[in-house]
N, C-alpha and C. Protein backbone atom coordinates (compact mmCIF):
# COMPACT_ATOMS: atom_id res chain seq x y z
N MET A 1 -14.70 -20.66 -65.22
CA MET A 1 -14.80 -22.29 -64.59
C MET A 1 -13.46 -22.58 -63.89
N LYS A 2 -12.40 -22.84 -65.33
CA LYS A 2 -11.11 -23.20 -64.95
C LYS A 2 -10.35 -22.54 -64.14
N ARG A 3 -10.99 -21.29 -63.94
CA ARG A 3 -10.03 -20.24 -62.96
C ARG A 3 -10.33 -20.23 -61.69
N ILE A 4 -11.76 -20.62 -61.61
CA ILE A 4 -11.91 -21.05 -59.97
C ILE A 4 -11.33 -22.35 -59.53
N LEU A 5 -11.39 -23.30 -60.10
CA LEU A 5 -10.84 -25.08 -59.92
C LEU A 5 -9.15 -24.17 -59.37
N PRO A 6 -8.53 -23.48 -59.80
CA PRO A 6 -6.81 -23.13 -59.10
C PRO A 6 -7.03 -22.56 -58.19
N LEU A 7 -8.25 -21.34 -57.78
CA LEU A 7 -8.48 -20.60 -56.47
C LEU A 7 -8.40 -21.08 -55.54
N PHE A 8 -9.71 -22.02 -55.72
CA PHE A 8 -9.88 -22.93 -54.62
C PHE A 8 -9.04 -24.67 -54.40
N ALA A 9 -8.30 -24.89 -55.26
CA ALA A 9 -7.08 -25.30 -54.78
C ALA A 9 -5.80 -24.84 -53.60
N LEU A 10 -5.64 -23.13 -54.05
CA LEU A 10 -4.83 -22.69 -53.26
C LEU A 10 -5.19 -22.21 -52.55
N PHE A 11 -6.50 -21.97 -52.06
CA PHE A 11 -7.23 -21.69 -50.68
C PHE A 11 -6.71 -22.85 -49.57
N ALA A 12 -7.76 -24.20 -50.32
CA ALA A 12 -7.45 -25.02 -49.22
C ALA A 12 -6.09 -25.35 -49.00
N ALA A 13 -4.82 -25.46 -49.64
CA ALA A 13 -3.91 -25.19 -49.46
C ALA A 13 -3.09 -24.56 -48.18
N PHE A 14 -3.85 -23.09 -48.41
CA PHE A 14 -3.44 -22.50 -47.42
C PHE A 14 -4.43 -23.12 -45.86
N THR A 15 -5.49 -22.95 -46.39
CA THR A 15 -6.40 -23.30 -45.41
C THR A 15 -5.54 -24.29 -44.03
N PHE A 16 -4.73 -25.76 -44.78
CA PHE A 16 -4.35 -26.47 -44.67
C PHE A 16 -3.40 -26.50 -43.65
N VAL A 17 -2.63 -25.74 -44.14
CA VAL A 17 -0.85 -25.26 -43.56
C VAL A 17 -1.46 -24.13 -42.85
N ALA A 18 -2.41 -23.52 -42.58
CA ALA A 18 -2.18 -22.38 -41.64
C ALA A 18 -3.27 -22.61 -40.49
N SER A 19 -3.89 -24.43 -40.14
CA SER A 19 -4.45 -24.97 -39.29
C SER A 19 -3.45 -25.52 -38.45
N ALA A 20 -2.35 -26.00 -38.98
CA ALA A 20 -1.58 -26.76 -38.86
C ALA A 20 -0.99 -26.41 -37.16
N ALA A 21 -0.66 -26.76 -36.30
CA ALA A 21 -0.03 -26.04 -35.18
C ALA A 21 0.61 -27.02 -33.89
N ASP A 22 1.13 -27.06 -33.67
CA ASP A 22 1.39 -27.84 -32.34
C ASP A 22 0.85 -27.62 -31.11
N ILE A 23 1.22 -28.03 -30.13
CA ILE A 23 0.04 -27.93 -28.98
C ILE A 23 0.84 -27.27 -28.68
N VAL A 24 2.04 -26.55 -27.70
CA VAL A 24 2.45 -25.20 -27.60
C VAL A 24 1.50 -23.65 -28.33
N ASP A 25 2.22 -24.19 -29.62
CA ASP A 25 1.77 -22.79 -30.61
C ASP A 25 0.09 -22.88 -30.81
N THR A 26 -0.66 -23.91 -30.38
CA THR A 26 -2.04 -23.88 -30.59
C THR A 26 -2.35 -23.13 -28.85
N ALA A 27 -1.65 -23.53 -27.60
CA ALA A 27 -1.98 -22.99 -26.64
C ALA A 27 -2.15 -21.18 -26.59
N VAL A 28 -0.21 -20.71 -27.37
CA VAL A 28 -0.49 -19.87 -27.50
C VAL A 28 -1.15 -19.18 -28.02
N SER A 29 -1.66 -19.30 -29.04
CA SER A 29 -2.97 -18.59 -30.03
C SER A 29 -4.12 -19.08 -29.32
N ALA A 30 -4.35 -19.74 -28.82
CA ALA A 30 -6.22 -19.78 -28.19
C ALA A 30 -5.85 -18.36 -27.12
N GLY A 31 -5.23 -17.98 -26.21
CA GLY A 31 -5.26 -16.84 -25.59
C GLY A 31 -5.40 -16.84 -24.44
N ASN A 32 -6.12 -18.22 -24.04
CA ASN A 32 -6.70 -18.10 -22.18
C ASN A 32 -5.94 -19.35 -21.83
N PHE A 33 -4.86 -19.62 -22.03
CA PHE A 33 -3.48 -20.22 -21.41
C PHE A 33 -2.40 -19.91 -21.07
N THR A 34 -2.48 -18.21 -21.32
CA THR A 34 -1.20 -17.91 -20.33
C THR A 34 0.01 -18.82 -19.76
N THR A 35 -1.01 -18.60 -18.71
CA THR A 35 -0.01 -19.01 -17.30
C THR A 35 0.28 -20.50 -18.04
N LEU A 36 -0.63 -21.41 -18.42
CA LEU A 36 0.32 -22.64 -18.58
C LEU A 36 1.44 -22.64 -19.67
N VAL A 37 1.04 -22.14 -20.73
CA VAL A 37 2.67 -21.37 -21.75
C VAL A 37 3.82 -21.30 -20.63
N ALA A 38 3.55 -20.08 -20.01
CA ALA A 38 4.44 -19.84 -19.32
C ALA A 38 5.10 -20.55 -18.35
N ALA A 39 4.15 -21.61 -17.58
CA ALA A 39 4.86 -22.76 -16.94
C ALA A 39 5.65 -23.75 -17.44
N VAL A 40 5.05 -24.09 -18.83
CA VAL A 40 6.03 -24.74 -19.57
C VAL A 40 7.10 -24.90 -19.98
N LYS A 41 7.16 -23.30 -20.46
CA LYS A 41 8.29 -22.62 -20.47
C LYS A 41 9.41 -22.63 -19.10
N ALA A 42 9.01 -22.55 -18.28
CA ALA A 42 9.43 -22.44 -16.96
C ALA A 42 10.01 -23.68 -16.83
N ALA A 43 9.29 -24.91 -17.07
CA ALA A 43 9.62 -26.53 -16.39
C ALA A 43 10.42 -27.34 -17.84
N GLY A 44 10.47 -26.07 -18.59
CA GLY A 44 11.45 -27.34 -19.76
C GLY A 44 11.08 -27.92 -20.20
N LEU A 45 9.68 -27.91 -20.87
CA LEU A 45 8.73 -29.03 -21.64
C LEU A 45 8.36 -28.02 -22.41
N VAL A 46 8.97 -27.29 -23.30
CA VAL A 46 8.41 -26.54 -24.59
C VAL A 46 8.98 -27.20 -25.78
N ASP A 47 9.98 -27.98 -26.11
CA ASP A 47 10.46 -28.92 -26.90
C ASP A 47 9.80 -29.81 -26.92
N THR A 48 9.65 -30.87 -26.11
CA THR A 48 8.38 -31.93 -25.50
C THR A 48 7.52 -31.99 -26.09
N LEU A 49 6.97 -30.91 -25.71
CA LEU A 49 4.80 -30.38 -26.62
C LEU A 49 4.98 -29.82 -27.40
N LYS A 50 6.06 -29.55 -28.15
CA LYS A 50 6.50 -29.65 -29.51
C LYS A 50 7.02 -30.68 -30.45
N GLY A 51 6.95 -31.64 -29.99
CA GLY A 51 8.02 -32.78 -30.09
C GLY A 51 6.36 -33.27 -31.02
N PRO A 52 6.82 -35.14 -31.47
CA PRO A 52 6.04 -35.62 -32.11
C PRO A 52 4.81 -35.97 -31.73
N GLY A 53 4.93 -36.42 -30.15
CA GLY A 53 4.15 -37.37 -30.06
C GLY A 53 3.38 -38.11 -30.68
N PRO A 54 2.16 -38.69 -30.51
CA PRO A 54 0.81 -37.67 -30.06
C PRO A 54 1.14 -37.48 -28.45
N PHE A 55 0.14 -36.41 -28.04
CA PHE A 55 -0.03 -36.46 -26.50
C PHE A 55 -1.32 -35.23 -26.57
N THR A 56 -1.92 -36.01 -25.53
CA THR A 56 -3.30 -35.75 -25.41
C THR A 56 -2.99 -34.68 -23.92
N VAL A 57 -3.56 -33.07 -23.98
CA VAL A 57 -3.16 -32.51 -22.56
C VAL A 57 -4.46 -32.08 -22.13
N PHE A 58 -4.53 -32.52 -20.90
CA PHE A 58 -5.85 -31.91 -20.06
C PHE A 58 -5.45 -29.69 -19.79
N ALA A 59 -5.83 -29.36 -20.38
CA ALA A 59 -4.94 -27.83 -20.26
C ALA A 59 -5.94 -27.17 -19.31
N PRO A 60 -5.62 -27.06 -18.01
CA PRO A 60 -6.21 -25.47 -17.11
C PRO A 60 -5.93 -24.06 -18.01
N THR A 61 -7.28 -23.84 -18.12
CA THR A 61 -7.21 -22.41 -18.65
C THR A 61 -6.15 -20.83 -17.34
N ASP A 62 -5.95 -20.18 -18.14
CA ASP A 62 -5.83 -19.10 -16.94
C ASP A 62 -6.57 -19.07 -15.76
N GLU A 63 -7.87 -18.97 -15.96
CA GLU A 63 -9.10 -19.12 -14.72
C GLU A 63 -8.69 -20.14 -13.67
N ALA A 64 -8.53 -21.15 -14.50
CA ALA A 64 -8.02 -22.55 -13.72
C ALA A 64 -7.00 -22.26 -12.69
N PHE A 65 -5.84 -21.62 -13.02
CA PHE A 65 -4.64 -21.33 -12.47
C PHE A 65 -4.75 -20.43 -11.39
N ALA A 66 -6.16 -19.43 -12.00
CA ALA A 66 -5.97 -18.39 -10.57
C ALA A 66 -7.09 -18.98 -9.57
N LYS A 67 -7.44 -19.61 -9.14
CA LYS A 67 -7.99 -20.88 -8.38
C LYS A 67 -7.06 -21.17 -7.52
N LEU A 68 -5.95 -21.60 -7.58
CA LEU A 68 -4.70 -21.86 -6.65
C LEU A 68 -4.56 -21.18 -5.60
N PRO A 69 -4.48 -21.18 -4.69
CA PRO A 69 -4.14 -20.39 -3.50
C PRO A 69 -2.94 -19.01 -3.77
N ALA A 70 -3.30 -18.10 -3.37
CA ALA A 70 -2.12 -17.12 -3.61
C ALA A 70 -1.03 -17.45 -3.70
N GLY A 71 -0.06 -16.68 -4.59
CA GLY A 71 1.69 -17.17 -4.64
C GLY A 71 1.60 -18.65 -4.82
N THR A 72 0.72 -19.40 -5.04
CA THR A 72 1.24 -20.86 -5.94
C THR A 72 1.80 -20.92 -7.33
N VAL A 73 1.39 -20.13 -8.23
CA VAL A 73 1.65 -20.30 -9.37
C VAL A 73 3.09 -19.57 -9.42
N ASP A 74 3.42 -18.47 -8.69
CA ASP A 74 4.88 -17.69 -8.40
C ASP A 74 5.96 -18.98 -7.94
N ALA A 75 5.50 -19.76 -6.23
CA ALA A 75 6.23 -20.48 -6.02
C ALA A 75 6.82 -22.00 -6.88
N LEU A 76 5.60 -21.75 -7.96
CA LEU A 76 5.87 -23.44 -8.81
C LEU A 76 6.82 -22.74 -9.67
N LEU A 77 6.65 -21.85 -10.56
CA LEU A 77 7.37 -20.94 -11.69
C LEU A 77 8.73 -21.17 -10.92
N LYS A 78 9.17 -20.90 -9.73
CA LYS A 78 10.37 -20.85 -9.22
C LYS A 78 11.11 -22.21 -8.41
N ASP A 79 10.21 -23.51 -9.19
CA ASP A 79 10.71 -24.43 -8.63
C ASP A 79 10.14 -25.74 -9.84
N PRO A 80 11.45 -25.62 -11.14
CA PRO A 80 11.18 -26.22 -11.87
C PRO A 80 10.77 -27.91 -12.35
N GLU A 81 11.52 -28.18 -11.15
CA GLU A 81 11.38 -29.75 -11.19
C GLU A 81 10.13 -30.25 -10.78
N LYS A 82 9.04 -29.53 -9.51
CA LYS A 82 7.44 -29.50 -9.28
C LYS A 82 6.69 -29.37 -10.27
N LEU A 83 7.09 -28.51 -10.78
CA LEU A 83 5.94 -27.80 -12.15
C LEU A 83 5.98 -28.46 -12.83
N LYS A 84 7.29 -29.06 -13.23
CA LYS A 84 7.43 -30.29 -14.53
C LYS A 84 5.97 -31.63 -14.51
N GLY A 85 6.69 -31.71 -12.77
CA GLY A 85 5.88 -33.41 -12.12
C GLY A 85 4.40 -32.78 -12.38
N ILE A 86 3.80 -31.92 -11.98
CA ILE A 86 2.17 -31.71 -12.02
C ILE A 86 1.73 -31.06 -13.86
N LEU A 87 3.07 -30.23 -14.64
CA LEU A 87 1.96 -30.37 -15.69
C LEU A 87 2.25 -32.03 -16.67
N LEU A 88 3.31 -32.60 -16.63
CA LEU A 88 3.34 -33.58 -16.53
C LEU A 88 1.87 -34.38 -16.38
N TYR A 89 1.00 -34.65 -15.08
CA TYR A 89 0.13 -35.41 -14.77
C TYR A 89 -1.19 -34.43 -15.19
N HIS A 90 -0.65 -33.60 -16.07
CA HIS A 90 -1.87 -33.30 -17.27
C HIS A 90 -1.98 -33.67 -18.73
N VAL A 91 -0.78 -34.94 -18.64
CA VAL A 91 -0.43 -34.95 -20.37
C VAL A 91 -0.35 -36.34 -20.42
N VAL A 92 -1.20 -37.33 -21.46
CA VAL A 92 -1.54 -38.44 -21.37
C VAL A 92 -0.55 -38.72 -23.05
N SER A 93 -0.25 -39.54 -22.73
CA SER A 93 0.59 -40.59 -24.22
C SER A 93 -0.56 -40.45 -25.37
N GLY A 94 -0.57 -40.53 -26.31
CA GLY A 94 -1.16 -40.78 -27.48
C GLY A 94 -2.28 -39.57 -27.55
N LYS A 95 -3.13 -40.19 -28.52
CA LYS A 95 -4.49 -38.90 -29.03
C LYS A 95 -5.49 -39.85 -28.50
N VAL A 96 -5.79 -39.08 -27.67
CA VAL A 96 -7.32 -39.69 -26.95
C VAL A 96 -7.92 -38.60 -27.29
N MET A 97 -9.37 -38.98 -28.28
CA MET A 97 -10.36 -37.95 -28.57
C MET A 97 -11.32 -38.40 -27.60
N ALA A 98 -11.98 -37.40 -27.67
CA ALA A 98 -13.15 -36.99 -26.51
C ALA A 98 -14.40 -38.56 -25.99
N ALA A 99 -14.63 -38.75 -27.21
CA ALA A 99 -15.24 -40.14 -27.65
C ALA A 99 -14.47 -41.03 -26.75
N ASP A 100 -13.11 -41.42 -26.91
CA ASP A 100 -12.86 -42.14 -26.09
C ASP A 100 -12.74 -41.98 -25.02
N VAL A 101 -12.24 -40.56 -24.37
CA VAL A 101 -12.22 -40.77 -22.95
C VAL A 101 -13.26 -41.26 -22.55
N VAL A 102 -14.52 -40.63 -22.89
CA VAL A 102 -15.55 -40.99 -21.84
C VAL A 102 -15.56 -42.45 -21.98
N LYS A 103 -14.93 -43.28 -22.19
CA LYS A 103 -14.70 -44.89 -22.44
C LYS A 103 -14.28 -45.28 -21.36
N LEU A 104 -13.53 -44.75 -20.59
CA LEU A 104 -12.41 -44.82 -19.93
C LEU A 104 -12.56 -44.75 -18.32
N LYS A 105 -12.09 -45.28 -17.27
CA LYS A 105 -12.24 -44.94 -15.57
C LYS A 105 -10.53 -44.19 -15.33
N THR A 106 -9.28 -44.80 -16.04
CA THR A 106 -8.76 -43.86 -15.39
C THR A 106 -7.95 -43.85 -16.97
N ALA A 107 -6.45 -43.27 -16.75
CA ALA A 107 -5.90 -42.69 -17.79
C ALA A 107 -4.26 -43.03 -17.03
N LYS A 108 -3.20 -43.06 -17.35
CA LYS A 108 -1.55 -43.40 -17.33
C LYS A 108 -1.34 -41.73 -17.66
N THR A 109 -0.63 -40.88 -16.81
CA THR A 109 -0.64 -39.46 -17.52
C THR A 109 1.06 -40.05 -17.66
N VAL A 110 1.70 -39.06 -18.17
CA VAL A 110 3.46 -38.75 -18.49
C VAL A 110 4.13 -38.86 -17.35
N GLN A 111 3.45 -38.66 -15.96
CA GLN A 111 4.18 -38.31 -15.01
C GLN A 111 4.16 -39.57 -14.37
N GLY A 112 3.29 -40.42 -14.64
CA GLY A 112 3.53 -41.61 -14.25
C GLY A 112 2.60 -42.74 -13.32
N SER A 113 1.18 -41.22 -12.89
CA SER A 113 0.16 -41.47 -12.03
C SER A 113 -1.09 -41.84 -13.00
N ASN A 114 -2.10 -42.16 -12.28
CA ASN A 114 -3.01 -42.10 -13.46
C ASN A 114 -4.08 -41.18 -12.79
N VAL A 115 -4.83 -40.70 -13.63
CA VAL A 115 -6.09 -39.66 -13.51
C VAL A 115 -7.48 -40.34 -13.68
N ALA A 116 -8.63 -40.23 -12.55
CA ALA A 116 -9.26 -40.52 -12.32
C ALA A 116 -10.29 -39.94 -13.71
N ILE A 117 -11.47 -40.67 -14.69
CA ILE A 117 -12.13 -40.09 -15.60
C ILE A 117 -13.60 -40.41 -14.86
N LYS A 118 -14.52 -39.67 -14.99
CA LYS A 118 -15.98 -40.00 -14.34
C LYS A 118 -17.15 -39.15 -15.71
N VAL A 119 -17.91 -39.83 -15.87
CA VAL A 119 -18.54 -39.64 -17.10
C VAL A 119 -20.11 -39.30 -16.03
N MET A 120 -20.89 -38.24 -16.00
CA MET A 120 -21.99 -37.29 -15.29
C MET A 120 -22.99 -36.90 -16.18
N GLY A 121 -23.68 -37.65 -16.75
CA GLY A 121 -24.43 -37.55 -17.92
C GLY A 121 -23.45 -36.87 -19.24
N ASP A 122 -23.57 -35.50 -18.90
CA ASP A 122 -22.94 -34.99 -20.80
C ASP A 122 -22.11 -34.31 -20.05
N LYS A 123 -21.43 -34.39 -19.07
CA LYS A 123 -20.07 -33.79 -17.91
C LYS A 123 -19.74 -34.98 -17.67
N VAL A 124 -18.13 -34.37 -17.73
CA VAL A 124 -17.04 -35.19 -17.90
C VAL A 124 -15.81 -34.85 -17.18
N MET A 125 -15.59 -35.91 -15.98
CA MET A 125 -14.07 -34.65 -15.28
C MET A 125 -13.17 -35.91 -14.68
N ILE A 126 -11.99 -35.22 -14.96
CA ILE A 126 -10.52 -35.57 -14.62
C ILE A 126 -10.06 -35.04 -13.51
N ASN A 127 -10.22 -36.58 -12.69
CA ASN A 127 -9.87 -36.16 -11.64
C ASN A 127 -11.34 -34.84 -10.65
N ASN A 128 -10.53 -33.71 -10.00
CA ASN A 128 -11.60 -33.02 -10.05
C ASN A 128 -11.88 -31.78 -11.08
N ALA A 129 -11.72 -32.20 -12.08
CA ALA A 129 -11.55 -30.71 -12.63
C ALA A 129 -12.79 -31.33 -14.03
N HIS A 130 -13.34 -30.22 -14.48
CA HIS A 130 -14.83 -30.37 -15.63
C HIS A 130 -14.12 -30.19 -16.99
N ILE A 131 -14.44 -30.64 -17.75
CA ILE A 131 -13.67 -30.85 -18.76
C ILE A 131 -15.02 -29.58 -19.99
N ILE A 132 -14.42 -28.20 -20.46
CA ILE A 132 -14.88 -27.34 -20.76
C ILE A 132 -15.17 -27.76 -22.23
N LYS A 133 -14.06 -27.80 -23.00
CA LYS A 133 -14.02 -28.08 -24.58
C LYS A 133 -13.34 -29.20 -24.43
N THR A 134 -13.35 -29.93 -25.55
CA THR A 134 -12.84 -30.42 -26.30
C THR A 134 -12.13 -30.71 -27.47
N ASP A 135 -11.57 -31.74 -27.64
CA ASP A 135 -11.46 -32.44 -29.14
C ASP A 135 -10.31 -30.88 -29.63
N ILE A 136 -9.52 -29.99 -29.45
CA ILE A 136 -8.82 -28.87 -30.12
C ILE A 136 -7.79 -29.73 -30.70
N VAL A 137 -8.00 -30.43 -31.87
CA VAL A 137 -6.71 -30.64 -32.15
C VAL A 137 -5.88 -30.04 -33.17
N THR A 138 -4.02 -30.78 -33.10
CA THR A 138 -3.41 -30.07 -33.39
C THR A 138 -2.55 -31.49 -34.07
N ASP A 139 -1.26 -30.56 -34.21
CA ASP A 139 -0.35 -31.53 -35.41
C ASP A 139 -0.18 -32.51 -34.61
N ASN A 140 0.43 -32.37 -33.46
CA ASN A 140 0.94 -33.94 -32.56
C ASN A 140 0.21 -34.13 -31.03
N GLY A 141 -1.27 -33.72 -31.45
CA GLY A 141 -2.49 -34.38 -30.87
C GLY A 141 -3.11 -33.71 -30.13
N VAL A 142 -3.68 -33.54 -29.30
CA VAL A 142 -4.90 -32.99 -29.23
C VAL A 142 -4.92 -32.64 -27.42
N ILE A 143 -6.10 -31.53 -27.34
CA ILE A 143 -5.93 -30.47 -26.35
C ILE A 143 -7.51 -30.35 -25.73
N HIS A 144 -7.68 -30.99 -24.45
CA HIS A 144 -9.46 -30.78 -23.92
C HIS A 144 -8.90 -30.26 -22.83
N VAL A 145 -9.63 -28.96 -22.85
CA VAL A 145 -9.58 -28.15 -21.77
C VAL A 145 -10.43 -28.12 -20.59
N ILE A 146 -9.71 -27.62 -19.40
CA ILE A 146 -10.09 -27.99 -17.83
C ILE A 146 -10.78 -26.51 -17.17
N ASP A 147 -10.78 -27.02 -16.27
CA ASP A 147 -11.28 -25.68 -15.63
C ASP A 147 -10.42 -25.68 -14.27
N THR A 148 -10.13 -26.53 -13.92
CA THR A 148 -9.11 -26.64 -12.36
C THR A 148 -7.99 -27.43 -12.75
N VAL A 149 -6.84 -26.80 -12.06
CA VAL A 149 -5.52 -27.65 -12.22
C VAL A 149 -5.22 -28.78 -11.28
N ILE A 150 -4.80 -30.15 -12.13
CA ILE A 150 -5.33 -31.40 -11.23
C ILE A 150 -3.62 -31.58 -10.92
N MET A 151 -3.95 -32.53 -9.71
CA MET A 151 -2.49 -32.62 -8.80
C MET A 151 -2.72 -33.76 -8.46
N ALA A 152 -1.98 -34.81 -8.63
CA ALA A 152 -1.18 -36.32 -8.20
C ALA A 152 -1.77 -36.28 -6.98
N LYS A 153 -2.02 -37.40 -6.32
CA LYS A 153 -2.19 -37.41 -4.96
C LYS A 153 -1.18 -38.39 -4.33
N LYS A 154 -0.37 -37.77 -2.92
CA LYS A 154 0.78 -37.69 -2.64
C LYS A 154 0.91 -39.78 -1.94
């Protein structure tokens, strides 16, 4: 019995360290945010999203970026300031878990504009995007996966 406890303690410590990752590293390891990660790099936001936070990120998948009109992503990657504004519109300060998101009608983004939040039964929308996965906890915040890139109203 004495041998089991130290092995369990070692395994538990390893599991804790292995699961700790920031928002950027979590997005990279997920594999379905390659466009988002490329955009974060092009906009110069890697250090920000690796920072202490906490942040809540409504993260569009690669499929969400693919819904944009042809050429949009390439054009945005060449315009870092515009891209930065769009990406920061997907970020809210603080760690807002799904249970808290559904209690809100709006949330102020880091970009400065508000996103609209609508609950319809068991579905939650951020502007025109459906939240398709919630509460991916990182060591500096939380990620909620969305199916559409959201844009601030002009």
